[in-house]
Amino acid sequence: MKFSSAFLALILPLAIAAAPTAEAGNDHGHEDDYHMRCYVWGEDARYRSCPKTSCDLKGRYYKGHWEDFYCYKWGDYVHGNNKWYKDSHGYYSNAYWWGSCQDDGHFNEC
């Protein structure tokens, strides 16, 4: 038992230091580093793992929701629009669903 306790006492601080932080999933830095904020005007804007309609559907934003975006990519067309916005979680939503966008001048291609 003493060996196990001593081992844990040495290893536990290292494991905690190596644990990912809440920002680890955000490859853009802090949550407030977005470059464009938009409003969902369409019914339930979907977000996916990549900018294609064949990519995994991860969820939906509902009409009236504001979302922050960091960059865009070109992908599959949705209602004539092939520009996809990338959010803070790394998911993509087609630009067709978004309106009233406020761009800070640094909204660029990913």
PDB file of N, CA and C in Angstrom:
ATOM      1  N   MET A   1       0.803  -1.185   0.000  1.00  0.00           N
ATOM      2  CA  MET A   1       0.000   0.000   0.000  1.00  0.00           C
ATOM      3  C   MET A   1       0.857   1.265   0.000  1.00  0.00           C
ATOM      4  N   LYS A   2       1.952   1.246   0.772  1.00  0.00           N
ATOM      5  CA  LYS A   2       2.792   2.435   0.837  1.00  0.00           C
ATOM      6  C   LYS A   2       3.397   2.732  -0.530  1.00  0.00           C
ATOM      7  N   PHE A   3       3.757   1.694  -1.247  1.00  0.00           N
ATOM      8  CA  PHE A   3       4.317   1.901  -2.582  1.00  0.00           C
ATOM      9  C   PHE A   3       3.275   2.548  -3.486  1.00  0.00           C
ATOM     10  N   SER A   4       2.048   2.079  -3.427  1.00  0.00           N
ATOM     11  CA  SER A   4       0.974   2.634  -4.254  1.00  0.00           C
ATOM     12  C   SER A   4       0.704   4.091  -3.902  1.00  0.00           C
ATOM     13  N   SER A   5       0.676   4.420  -2.632  1.00  0.00           N
ATOM     14  CA  SER A   5       0.422   5.798  -2.207  1.00  0.00           C
ATOM     15  C   SER A   5       1.557   6.712  -2.653  1.00  0.00           C
ATOM     16  N   ALA A   6       2.778   6.238  -2.511  1.00  0.00           N
ATOM     17  CA  ALA A   6       3.928   7.038  -2.926  1.00  0.00           C
ATOM     18  C   ALA A   6       3.919   7.226  -4.437  1.00  0.00           C
ATOM     19  N   PHE A   7       3.596   6.173  -5.147  1.00  0.00           N
ATOM     20  CA  PHE A   7       3.530   6.234  -6.600  1.00  0.00           C
ATOM     21  C   PHE A   7       2.476   7.248  -7.050  1.00  0.00           C
ATOM     22  N   LEU A   8       1.296   7.193  -6.443  1.00  0.00           N
ATOM     23  CA  LEU A   8       0.223   8.132  -6.776  1.00  0.00           C
ATOM     24  C   LEU A   8       0.615   9.568  -6.428  1.00  0.00           C
ATOM     25  N   ALA A   9       1.306   9.741  -5.315  1.00  0.00           N
ATOM     26  CA  ALA A   9       1.723  11.076  -4.904  1.00  0.00           C
ATOM     27  C   ALA A   9       2.677  11.701  -5.924  1.00  0.00           C
ATOM     28  N   LEU A  10       3.468  10.863  -6.586  1.00  0.00           N
ATOM     29  CA  LEU A  10       4.391  11.365  -7.604  1.00  0.00           C
ATOM     30  C   LEU A  10       3.711  11.548  -8.965  1.00  0.00           C
ATOM     31  N   ILE A  11       2.859  10.624  -9.317  1.00  0.00           N
ATOM     32  CA  ILE A  11       2.236  10.625 -10.645  1.00  0.00           C
ATOM     33  C   ILE A  11       1.046  11.567 -10.753  1.00  0.00           C
ATOM     34  N   LEU A  12       0.254  11.694  -9.718  1.00  0.00           N
ATOM     35  CA  LEU A  12      -0.969  12.490  -9.774  1.00  0.00           C
ATOM     36  C   LEU A  12      -0.718  13.942 -10.191  1.00  0.00           C
ATOM     37  N   PRO A  13       0.274  14.640  -9.616  1.00  0.00           N
ATOM     38  CA  PRO A  13       0.517  16.024 -10.066  1.00  0.00           C
ATOM     39  C   PRO A  13       0.887  16.107 -11.546  1.00  0.00           C
ATOM     40  N   LEU A  14       1.607  15.129 -12.046  1.00  0.00           N
ATOM     41  CA  LEU A  14       1.964  15.115 -13.465  1.00  0.00           C
ATOM     42  C   LEU A  14       0.745  14.897 -14.346  1.00  0.00           C
ATOM     43  N   ALA A  15      -0.144  14.015 -13.910  1.00  0.00           N
ATOM     44  CA  ALA A  15      -1.359  13.739 -14.672  1.00  0.00           C
ATOM     45  C   ALA A  15      -2.265  14.956 -14.713  1.00  0.00           C
ATOM     46  N   ILE A  16      -2.362  15.668 -13.606  1.00  0.00           N
ATOM     47  CA  ILE A  16      -3.196  16.874 -13.562  1.00  0.00           C
ATOM     48  C   ILE A  16      -2.614  17.955 -14.465  1.00  0.00           C
ATOM     49  N   ALA A  17      -1.312  18.127 -14.444  1.00  0.00           N
ATOM     50  CA  ALA A  17      -0.664  19.143 -15.275  1.00  0.00           C
ATOM     51  C   ALA A  17      -0.834  18.840 -16.755  1.00  0.00           C
ATOM     52  N   ALA A  18      -0.889  17.561 -17.115  1.00  0.00           N
ATOM     53  CA  ALA A  18      -1.013  17.175 -18.522  1.00  0.00           C
ATOM     54  C   ALA A  18      -2.458  17.135 -19.003  1.00  0.00           C
ATOM     55  N   ALA A  19      -3.418  17.263 -18.106  1.00  0.00           N
ATOM     56  CA  ALA A  19      -4.832  17.184 -18.492  1.00  0.00           C
ATOM     57  C   ALA A  19      -5.199  18.357 -19.388  1.00  0.00           C
ATOM     58  N   PRO A  20      -6.034  18.110 -20.422  1.00  0.00           N
ATOM     59  CA  PRO A  20      -6.437  19.198 -21.307  1.00  0.00           C
ATOM     60  C   PRO A  20      -7.294  20.220 -20.561  1.00  0.00           C
ATOM     61  N   THR A  21      -7.182  21.463 -20.980  1.00  0.00           N
ATOM     62  CA  THR A  21      -7.988  22.523 -20.379  1.00  0.00           C
ATOM     63  C   THR A  21      -9.244  22.723 -21.205  1.00  0.00           C
ATOM     64  N   ALA A  22     -10.143  23.563 -20.738  1.00  0.00           N
ATOM     65  CA  ALA A  22     -11.383  23.844 -21.455  1.00  0.00           C
ATOM     66  C   ALA A  22     -11.106  24.486 -22.799  1.00  0.00           C
ATOM     67  N   GLU A  23      -9.991  25.211 -22.933  1.00  0.00           N
ATOM     68  CA  GLU A  23      -9.674  25.870 -24.189  1.00  0.00           C
ATOM     69  C   GLU A  23      -8.971  24.951 -25.174  1.00  0.00           C
ATOM     70  N   ALA A  24      -8.618  23.760 -24.772  1.00  0.00           N
ATOM     71  CA  ALA A  24      -7.863  22.876 -25.655  1.00  0.00           C
ATOM     72  C   ALA A  24      -8.628  22.548 -26.927  1.00  0.00           C
ATOM     73  N   GLY A  25      -9.959  22.466 -26.864  1.00  0.00           N
ATOM     74  CA  GLY A  25     -10.738  22.159 -28.048  1.00  0.00           C
ATOM     75  C   GLY A  25     -10.920  23.338 -28.964  1.00  0.00           C
ATOM     76  N   ASN A  26     -10.593  24.534 -28.514  1.00  0.00           N
ATOM     77  CA  ASN A  26     -10.764  25.740 -29.294  1.00  0.00           C
ATOM     78  C   ASN A  26      -9.416  26.106 -29.897  1.00  0.00           C
ATOM     79  N   ASP A  27      -9.229  25.854 -31.179  1.00  0.00           N
ATOM     80  CA  ASP A  27      -7.942  26.105 -31.806  1.00  0.00           C
ATOM     81  C   ASP A  27      -7.764  27.564 -32.203  1.00  0.00           C
ATOM     82  N   HIS A  28      -8.643  28.437 -31.720  1.00  0.00           N
ATOM     83  CA  HIS A  28      -8.550  29.854 -32.040  1.00  0.00           C
ATOM     84  C   HIS A  28      -8.199  30.681 -30.825  1.00  0.00           C
ATOM     85  N   GLY A  29      -7.856  30.068 -29.734  1.00  0.00           N
ATOM     86  CA  GLY A  29      -7.529  30.805 -28.524  1.00  0.00           C
ATOM     87  C   GLY A  29      -8.736  30.986 -27.643  1.00  0.00           C
ATOM     88  N   HIS A  30      -8.910  32.172 -27.147  1.00  0.00           N
ATOM     89  CA  HIS A  30     -10.006  32.455 -26.226  1.00  0.00           C
ATOM     90  C   HIS A  30     -11.330  32.551 -26.946  1.00  0.00           C
ATOM     91  N   GLU A  31     -12.400  32.300 -26.222  1.00  0.00           N
ATOM     92  CA  GLU A  31     -13.727  32.318 -26.808  1.00  0.00           C
ATOM     93  C   GLU A  31     -14.080  33.663 -27.418  1.00  0.00           C
ATOM     94  N   ASP A  32     -13.504  34.741 -26.918  1.00  0.00           N
ATOM     95  CA  ASP A  32     -13.861  36.057 -27.441  1.00  0.00           C
ATOM     96  C   ASP A  32     -12.989  36.475 -28.624  1.00  0.00           C
ATOM     97  N   ASP A  33     -12.225  35.564 -29.179  1.00  0.00           N
ATOM     98  CA  ASP A  33     -11.388  35.850 -30.341  1.00  0.00           C
ATOM     99  C   ASP A  33     -12.121  35.617 -31.658  1.00  0.00           C
ATOM    100  N   TYR A  34     -13.428  35.603 -31.645  1.00  0.00           N
ATOM    101  CA  TYR A  34     -14.175  35.382 -32.873  1.00  0.00           C
ATOM    102  C   TYR A  34     -14.005  36.572 -33.813  1.00  0.00           C
ATOM    103  N   HIS A  35     -14.302  36.365 -35.090  1.00  0.00           N
ATOM    104  CA  HIS A  35     -14.167  37.428 -36.077  1.00  0.00           C
ATOM    105  C   HIS A  35     -15.488  37.821 -36.718  1.00  0.00           C
ATOM    106  N   MET A  36     -16.525  37.046 -36.475  1.00  0.00           N
ATOM    107  CA  MET A  36     -17.825  37.403 -37.006  1.00  0.00           C
ATOM    108  C   MET A  36     -18.914  36.819 -36.108  1.00  0.00           C
ATOM    109  N   ARG A  37     -19.952  37.583 -35.882  1.00  0.00           N
ATOM    110  CA  ARG A  37     -21.102  37.137 -35.086  1.00  0.00           C
ATOM    111  C   ARG A  37     -22.328  37.248 -35.983  1.00  0.00           C
ATOM    112  N   CYS A  38     -23.125  36.163 -36.011  1.00  0.00           N
ATOM    113  CA  CYS A  38     -24.301  36.122 -36.887  1.00  0.00           C
ATOM    114  C   CYS A  38     -25.531  35.629 -36.142  1.00  0.00           C
ATOM    115  N   TYR A  39     -26.668  35.901 -36.741  1.00  0.00           N
ATOM    116  CA  TYR A  39     -27.981  35.566 -36.209  1.00  0.00           C
ATOM    117  C   TYR A  39     -28.624  34.505 -37.105  1.00  0.00           C
ATOM    118  N   VAL A  40     -29.219  33.458 -36.520  1.00  0.00           N
ATOM    119  CA  VAL A  40     -29.911  32.437 -37.311  1.00  0.00           C
ATOM    120  C   VAL A  40     -31.252  33.008 -37.762  1.00  0.00           C
ATOM    121  N   TRP A  41     -31.418  33.175 -39.048  1.00  0.00           N
ATOM    122  CA  TRP A  41     -32.697  33.670 -39.564  1.00  0.00           C
ATOM    123  C   TRP A  41     -33.540  32.521 -40.113  1.00  0.00           C
ATOM    124  N   GLY A  42     -32.883  31.452 -40.536  1.00  0.00           N
ATOM    125  CA  GLY A  42     -33.610  30.299 -41.060  1.00  0.00           C
ATOM    126  C   GLY A  42     -34.020  29.355 -39.940  1.00  0.00           C
ATOM    127  N   GLU A  43     -34.845  28.414 -40.265  1.00  0.00           N
ATOM    128  CA  GLU A  43     -35.241  27.405 -39.277  1.00  0.00           C
ATOM    129  C   GLU A  43     -34.086  26.438 -39.057  1.00  0.00           C
ATOM    130  N   ASP A  44     -33.759  26.194 -37.835  1.00  0.00           N
ATOM    131  CA  ASP A  44     -32.702  25.289 -37.375  1.00  0.00           C
ATOM    132  C   ASP A  44     -31.518  25.102 -38.324  1.00  0.00           C
ATOM    133  N   ALA A  45     -30.544  25.985 -38.194  1.00  0.00           N
ATOM    134  CA  ALA A  45     -29.296  25.869 -38.948  1.00  0.00           C
ATOM    135  C   ALA A  45     -28.500  24.698 -38.381  1.00  0.00           C
ATOM    136  N   ARG A  46     -28.110  23.798 -39.230  1.00  0.00           N
ATOM    137  CA  ARG A  46     -27.362  22.618 -38.786  1.00  0.00           C
ATOM    138  C   ARG A  46     -25.870  22.917 -38.727  1.00  0.00           C
ATOM    139  N   TYR A  47     -25.172  22.230 -37.832  1.00  0.00           N
ATOM    140  CA  TYR A  47     -23.717  22.312 -37.849  1.00  0.00           C
ATOM    141  C   TYR A  47     -23.140  20.907 -37.924  1.00  0.00           C
ATOM    142  N   ARG A  48     -22.049  20.800 -38.661  1.00  0.00           N
ATOM    143  CA  ARG A  48     -21.460  19.506 -39.012  1.00  0.00           C
ATOM    144  C   ARG A  48     -19.965  19.464 -38.717  1.00  0.00           C
ATOM    145  N   SER A  49     -19.402  18.268 -38.813  1.00  0.00           N
ATOM    146  CA  SER A  49     -17.977  18.072 -38.531  1.00  0.00           C
ATOM    147  C   SER A  49     -17.068  18.599 -39.631  1.00  0.00           C
ATOM    148  N   CYS A  50     -17.609  18.841 -40.819  1.00  0.00           N
ATOM    149  CA  CYS A  50     -16.845  19.411 -41.925  1.00  0.00           C
ATOM    150  C   CYS A  50     -17.813  20.156 -42.847  1.00  0.00           C
ATOM    151  N   PRO A  51     -17.315  20.929 -43.808  1.00  0.00           N
ATOM    152  CA  PRO A  51     -18.196  21.747 -44.647  1.00  0.00           C
ATOM    153  C   PRO A  51     -18.856  20.993 -45.815  1.00  0.00           C
ATOM    154  N   LYS A  52     -19.410  19.856 -45.519  1.00  0.00           N
ATOM    155  CA  LYS A  52     -20.108  19.050 -46.532  1.00  0.00           C
ATOM    156  C   LYS A  52     -21.390  18.499 -45.916  1.00  0.00           C
ATOM    157  N   THR A  53     -22.422  18.379 -46.711  1.00  0.00           N
ATOM    158  CA  THR A  53     -23.685  17.849 -46.208  1.00  0.00           C
ATOM    159  C   THR A  53     -23.582  16.371 -45.847  1.00  0.00           C
ATOM    160  N   SER A  54     -22.566  15.685 -46.345  1.00  0.00           N
ATOM    161  CA  SER A  54     -22.371  14.271 -46.022  1.00  0.00           C
ATOM    162  C   SER A  54     -21.633  14.070 -44.691  1.00  0.00           C
ATOM    163  N   CYS A  55     -21.083  15.131 -44.110  1.00  0.00           N
ATOM    164  CA  CYS A  55     -20.364  15.027 -42.832  1.00  0.00           C
ATOM    165  C   CYS A  55     -21.348  14.829 -41.689  1.00  0.00           C
ATOM    166  N   ASP A  56     -20.835  14.294 -40.591  1.00  0.00           N
ATOM    167  CA  ASP A  56     -21.672  14.017 -39.416  1.00  0.00           C
ATOM    168  C   ASP A  56     -22.397  15.268 -38.944  1.00  0.00           C
ATOM    169  N   LEU A  57     -23.698  15.137 -38.747  1.00  0.00           N
ATOM    170  CA  LEU A  57     -24.506  16.203 -38.167  1.00  0.00           C
ATOM    171  C   LEU A  57     -24.252  16.200 -36.664  1.00  0.00           C
ATOM    172  N   LYS A  58     -23.751  17.306 -36.151  1.00  0.00           N
ATOM    173  CA  LYS A  58     -23.409  17.398 -34.731  1.00  0.00           C
ATOM    174  C   LYS A  58     -24.491  18.078 -33.905  1.00  0.00           C
ATOM    175  N   GLY A  59     -25.339  18.886 -34.548  1.00  0.00           N
ATOM    176  CA  GLY A  59     -26.393  19.576 -33.816  1.00  0.00           C
ATOM    177  C   GLY A  59     -27.048  20.644 -34.665  1.00  0.00           C
ATOM    178  N   ARG A  60     -27.845  21.492 -33.996  1.00  0.00           N
ATOM    179  CA  ARG A  60     -28.585  22.559 -34.683  1.00  0.00           C
ATOM    180  C   ARG A  60     -28.563  23.825 -33.847  1.00  0.00           C
ATOM    181  N   TYR A  61     -28.521  24.929 -34.561  1.00  0.00           N
ATOM    182  CA  TYR A  61     -28.764  26.231 -33.951  1.00  0.00           C
ATOM    183  C   TYR A  61     -30.194  26.585 -34.333  1.00  0.00           C
ATOM    184  N   TYR A  62     -30.937  27.149 -33.413  1.00  0.00           N
ATOM    185  CA  TYR A  62     -32.336  27.452 -33.682  1.00  0.00           C
ATOM    186  C   TYR A  62     -32.539  28.929 -33.998  1.00  0.00           C
ATOM    187  N   LYS A  63     -33.576  29.204 -34.731  1.00  0.00           N
ATOM    188  CA  LYS A  63     -33.907  30.558 -35.150  1.00  0.00           C
ATOM    189  C   LYS A  63     -33.864  31.496 -33.943  1.00  0.00           C
ATOM    190  N   GLY A  64     -33.193  32.626 -34.112  1.00  0.00           N
ATOM    191  CA  GLY A  64     -33.059  33.601 -33.036  1.00  0.00           C
ATOM    192  C   GLY A  64     -31.739  33.508 -32.281  1.00  0.00           C
ATOM    193  N   HIS A  65     -30.976  32.444 -32.505  1.00  0.00           N
ATOM    194  CA  HIS A  65     -29.697  32.229 -31.812  1.00  0.00           C
ATOM    195  C   HIS A  65     -28.590  33.062 -32.470  1.00  0.00           C
ATOM    196  N   TRP A  66     -27.733  33.662 -31.665  1.00  0.00           N
ATOM    197  CA  TRP A  66     -26.525  34.332 -32.153  1.00  0.00           C
ATOM    198  C   TRP A  66     -25.350  33.387 -31.957  1.00  0.00           C
ATOM    199  N   GLU A  67     -24.445  33.353 -32.912  1.00  0.00           N
ATOM    200  CA  GLU A  67     -23.266  32.480 -32.808  1.00  0.00           C
ATOM    201  C   GLU A  67     -22.034  33.248 -33.282  1.00  0.00           C
ATOM    202  N   ASP A  68     -20.885  32.898 -32.705  1.00  0.00           N
ATOM    203  CA  ASP A  68     -19.611  33.494 -33.085  1.00  0.00           C
ATOM    204  C   ASP A  68     -18.865  32.546 -34.007  1.00  0.00           C
ATOM    205  N   PHE A  69     -18.254  33.119 -35.037  1.00  0.00           N
ATOM    206  CA  PHE A  69     -17.496  32.335 -36.008  1.00  0.00           C
ATOM    207  C   PHE A  69     -16.092  32.900 -36.157  1.00  0.00           C
ATOM    208  N   TYR A  70     -15.162  32.023 -36.559  1.00  0.00           N
ATOM    209  CA  TYR A  70     -13.749  32.370 -36.603  1.00  0.00           C
ATOM    210  C   TYR A  70     -13.188  32.459 -38.003  1.00  0.00           C
ATOM    211  N   CYS A  71     -13.709  31.649 -38.911  1.00  0.00           N
ATOM    212  CA  CYS A  71     -13.220  31.636 -40.278  1.00  0.00           C
ATOM    213  C   CYS A  71     -14.243  30.892 -41.136  1.00  0.00           C
ATOM    214  N   TYR A  72     -13.979  30.792 -42.415  1.00  0.00           N
ATOM    215  CA  TYR A  72     -14.898  30.083 -43.310  1.00  0.00           C
ATOM    216  C   TYR A  72     -14.135  29.157 -44.244  1.00  0.00           C
ATOM    217  N   LYS A  73     -14.846  28.200 -44.796  1.00  0.00           N
ATOM    218  CA  LYS A  73     -14.329  27.286 -45.818  1.00  0.00           C
ATOM    219  C   LYS A  73     -15.375  27.149 -46.905  1.00  0.00           C
ATOM    220  N   TRP A  74     -14.929  26.740 -48.058  1.00  0.00           N
ATOM    221  CA  TRP A  74     -15.843  26.452 -49.158  1.00  0.00           C
ATOM    222  C   TRP A  74     -16.173  24.972 -49.120  1.00  0.00           C
ATOM    223  N   GLY A  75     -17.429  24.642 -49.361  1.00  0.00           N
ATOM    224  CA  GLY A  75     -17.854  23.247 -49.301  1.00  0.00           C
ATOM    225  C   GLY A  75     -19.060  23.002 -50.187  1.00  0.00           C
ATOM    226  N   ASP A  76     -19.905  22.073 -49.771  1.00  0.00           N
ATOM    227  CA  ASP A  76     -21.109  21.733 -50.532  1.00  0.00           C
ATOM    228  C   ASP A  76     -22.087  22.903 -50.548  1.00  0.00           C
ATOM    229  N   TYR A  77     -22.854  22.976 -51.614  1.00  0.00           N
ATOM    230  CA  TYR A  77     -23.890  23.997 -51.742  1.00  0.00           C
ATOM    231  C   TYR A  77     -25.124  23.621 -50.919  1.00  0.00           C
ATOM    232  N   VAL A  78     -25.675  24.618 -50.242  1.00  0.00           N
ATOM    233  CA  VAL A  78     -26.953  24.492 -49.549  1.00  0.00           C
ATOM    234  C   VAL A  78     -27.786  25.691 -50.005  1.00  0.00           C
ATOM    235  N   HIS A  79     -28.862  25.433 -50.709  1.00  0.00           N
ATOM    236  CA  HIS A  79     -29.719  26.501 -51.241  1.00  0.00           C
ATOM    237  C   HIS A  79     -28.901  27.543 -52.000  1.00  0.00           C
ATOM    238  N   GLY A  80     -27.945  27.090 -52.821  1.00  0.00           N
ATOM    239  CA  GLY A  80     -27.150  27.989 -53.658  1.00  0.00           C
ATOM    240  C   GLY A  80     -25.957  28.633 -52.986  1.00  0.00           C
ATOM    241  N   ASN A  81     -25.659  28.283 -51.758  1.00  0.00           N
ATOM    242  CA  ASN A  81     -24.542  28.893 -51.038  1.00  0.00           C
ATOM    243  C   ASN A  81     -23.548  27.810 -50.618  1.00  0.00           C
ATOM    244  N   ASN A  82     -22.267  27.981 -50.980  1.00  0.00           N
ATOM    245  CA  ASN A  82     -21.266  26.972 -50.617  1.00  0.00           C
ATOM    246  C   ASN A  82     -20.231  27.482 -49.615  1.00  0.00           C
ATOM    247  N   LYS A  83     -20.517  28.579 -48.939  1.00  0.00           N
ATOM    248  CA  LYS A  83     -19.638  29.103 -47.895  1.00  0.00           C
ATOM    249  C   LYS A  83     -20.106  28.543 -46.548  1.00  0.00           C
ATOM    250  N   TRP A  84     -19.152  28.013 -45.774  1.00  0.00           N
ATOM    251  CA  TRP A  84     -19.448  27.420 -44.470  1.00  0.00           C
ATOM    252  C   TRP A  84     -18.644  28.152 -43.408  1.00  0.00           C
ATOM    253  N   TYR A  85     -19.293  28.500 -42.299  1.00  0.00           N
ATOM    254  CA  TYR A  85     -18.660  29.205 -41.192  1.00  0.00           C
ATOM    255  C   TYR A  85     -18.223  28.206 -40.121  1.00  0.00           C
ATOM    256  N   LYS A  86     -17.039  28.441 -39.553  1.00  0.00           N
ATOM    257  CA  LYS A  86     -16.505  27.562 -38.507  1.00  0.00           C
ATOM    258  C   LYS A  86     -16.695  28.215 -37.144  1.00  0.00           C
ATOM    259  N   ASP A  87     -17.304  27.471 -36.193  1.00  0.00           N
ATOM    260  CA  ASP A  87     -17.564  28.015 -34.853  1.00  0.00           C
ATOM    261  C   ASP A  87     -16.433  27.675 -33.879  1.00  0.00           C
ATOM    262  N   SER A  88     -16.585  28.068 -32.624  1.00  0.00           N
ATOM    263  CA  SER A  88     -15.541  27.880 -31.614  1.00  0.00           C
ATOM    264  C   SER A  88     -15.287  26.426 -31.250  1.00  0.00           C
ATOM    265  N   HIS A  89     -16.208  25.540 -31.610  1.00  0.00           N
ATOM    266  CA  HIS A  89     -16.042  24.110 -31.318  1.00  0.00           C
ATOM    267  C   HIS A  89     -15.456  23.358 -32.506  1.00  0.00           C
ATOM    268  N   GLY A  90     -15.179  24.080 -33.594  1.00  0.00           N
ATOM    269  CA  GLY A  90     -14.603  23.463 -34.788  1.00  0.00           C
ATOM    270  C   GLY A  90     -15.645  22.893 -35.735  1.00  0.00           C
ATOM    271  N   TYR A  91     -16.925  23.196 -35.519  1.00  0.00           N
ATOM    272  CA  TYR A  91     -17.999  22.707 -36.379  1.00  0.00           C
ATOM    273  C   TYR A  91     -18.330  23.742 -37.439  1.00  0.00           C
ATOM    274  N   TYR A  92     -18.925  23.264 -38.524  1.00  0.00           N
ATOM    275  CA  TYR A  92     -19.244  24.114 -39.678  1.00  0.00           C
ATOM    276  C   TYR A  92     -20.743  24.214 -39.894  1.00  0.00           C
ATOM    277  N   SER A  93     -21.180  25.418 -40.248  1.00  0.00           N
ATOM    278  CA  SER A  93     -22.575  25.661 -40.564  1.00  0.00           C
ATOM    279  C   SER A  93     -22.621  26.462 -41.859  1.00  0.00           C
ATOM    280  N   ASN A  94     -23.501  26.086 -42.772  1.00  0.00           N
ATOM    281  CA  ASN A  94     -23.584  26.767 -44.054  1.00  0.00           C
ATOM    282  C   ASN A  94     -24.077  28.199 -43.887  1.00  0.00           C
ATOM    283  N   ALA A  95     -23.478  29.114 -44.628  1.00  0.00           N
ATOM    284  CA  ALA A  95     -23.787  30.547 -44.530  1.00  0.00           C
ATOM    285  C   ALA A  95     -25.226  30.878 -44.901  1.00  0.00           C
ATOM    286  N   TYR A  96     -25.890  30.010 -45.629  1.00  0.00           N
ATOM    287  CA  TYR A  96     -27.267  30.274 -46.047  1.00  0.00           C
ATOM    288  C   TYR A  96     -28.174  30.582 -44.853  1.00  0.00           C
ATOM    289  N   TRP A  97     -27.952  29.929 -43.742  1.00  0.00           N
ATOM    290  CA  TRP A  97     -28.834  30.024 -42.575  1.00  0.00           C
ATOM    291  C   TRP A  97     -28.601  31.268 -41.721  1.00  0.00           C
ATOM    292  N   TRP A  98     -27.568  32.035 -42.005  1.00  0.00           N
ATOM    293  CA  TRP A  98     -27.156  33.113 -41.103  1.00  0.00           C
ATOM    294  C   TRP A  98     -27.395  34.483 -41.715  1.00  0.00           C
ATOM    295  N   GLY A  99     -27.737  35.442 -40.862  1.00  0.00           N
ATOM    296  CA  GLY A  99     -27.952  36.810 -41.304  1.00  0.00           C
ATOM    297  C   GLY A  99     -27.481  37.798 -40.256  1.00  0.00           C
ATOM    298  N   SER A 100     -27.593  39.072 -40.591  1.00  0.00           N
ATOM    299  CA  SER A 100     -27.196  40.162 -39.683  1.00  0.00           C
ATOM    300  C   SER A 100     -25.794  39.949 -39.134  1.00  0.00           C
ATOM    301  N   CYS A 101     -24.874  39.497 -39.985  1.00  0.00           N
ATOM    302  CA  CYS A 101     -23.508  39.205 -39.541  1.00  0.00           C
ATOM    303  C   CYS A 101     -22.727  40.482 -39.283  1.00  0.00           C
ATOM    304  N   GLN A 102     -21.966  40.460 -38.208  1.00  0.00           N
ATOM    305  CA  GLN A 102     -21.111  41.574 -37.822  1.00  0.00           C
ATOM    306  C   GLN A 102     -19.666  41.105 -37.908  1.00  0.00           C
ATOM    307  N   ASP A 103     -18.966  41.539 -38.934  1.00  0.00           N
ATOM    308  CA  ASP A 103     -17.599  41.126 -39.234  1.00  0.00           C
ATOM    309  C   ASP A 103     -16.627  42.169 -38.669  1.00  0.00           C
ATOM    310  N   ASP A 104     -15.560  41.698 -38.012  1.00  0.00           N
ATOM    311  CA  ASP A 104     -14.582  42.632 -37.452  1.00  0.00           C
ATOM    312  C   ASP A 104     -13.481  43.004 -38.446  1.00  0.00           C
ATOM    313  N   GLY A 105     -13.600  42.560 -39.691  1.00  0.00           N
ATOM    314  CA  GLY A 105     -12.597  42.856 -40.706  1.00  0.00           C
ATOM    315  C   GLY A 105     -11.508  41.798 -40.801  1.00  0.00           C
ATOM    316  N   HIS A 106     -11.535  40.802 -39.927  1.00  0.00           N
ATOM    317  CA  HIS A 106     -10.518  39.742 -39.931  1.00  0.00           C
ATOM    318  C   HIS A 106     -11.139  38.369 -40.149  1.00  0.00           C
ATOM    319  N   PHE A 107     -12.302  38.322 -40.741  1.00  0.00           N
ATOM    320  CA  PHE A 107     -12.976  37.046 -41.005  1.00  0.00           C
ATOM    321  C   PHE A 107     -12.455  36.514 -42.329  1.00  0.00           C
ATOM    322  N   ASN A 108     -11.576  35.525 -42.253  1.00  0.00           N
ATOM    323  CA  ASN A 108     -10.859  35.022 -43.425  1.00  0.00           C
ATOM    324  C   ASN A 108     -11.100  33.531 -43.633  1.00  0.00           C
ATOM    325  N   GLU A 109     -10.607  33.045 -44.735  1.00  0.00           N
ATOM    326  CA  GLU A 109     -10.699  31.609 -45.015  1.00  0.00           C
ATOM    327  C   GLU A 109      -9.820  30.843 -44.038  1.00  0.00           C
ATOM    328  N   CYS A 110     -10.316  29.687 -43.591  1.00  0.00           N
ATOM    329  CA  CYS A 110      -9.588  28.854 -42.627  1.00  0.00           C
ATOM    330  C   CYS A 110      -8.345  28.241 -43.265  1.00  0.00           C
TER     331      CYS A 110
END
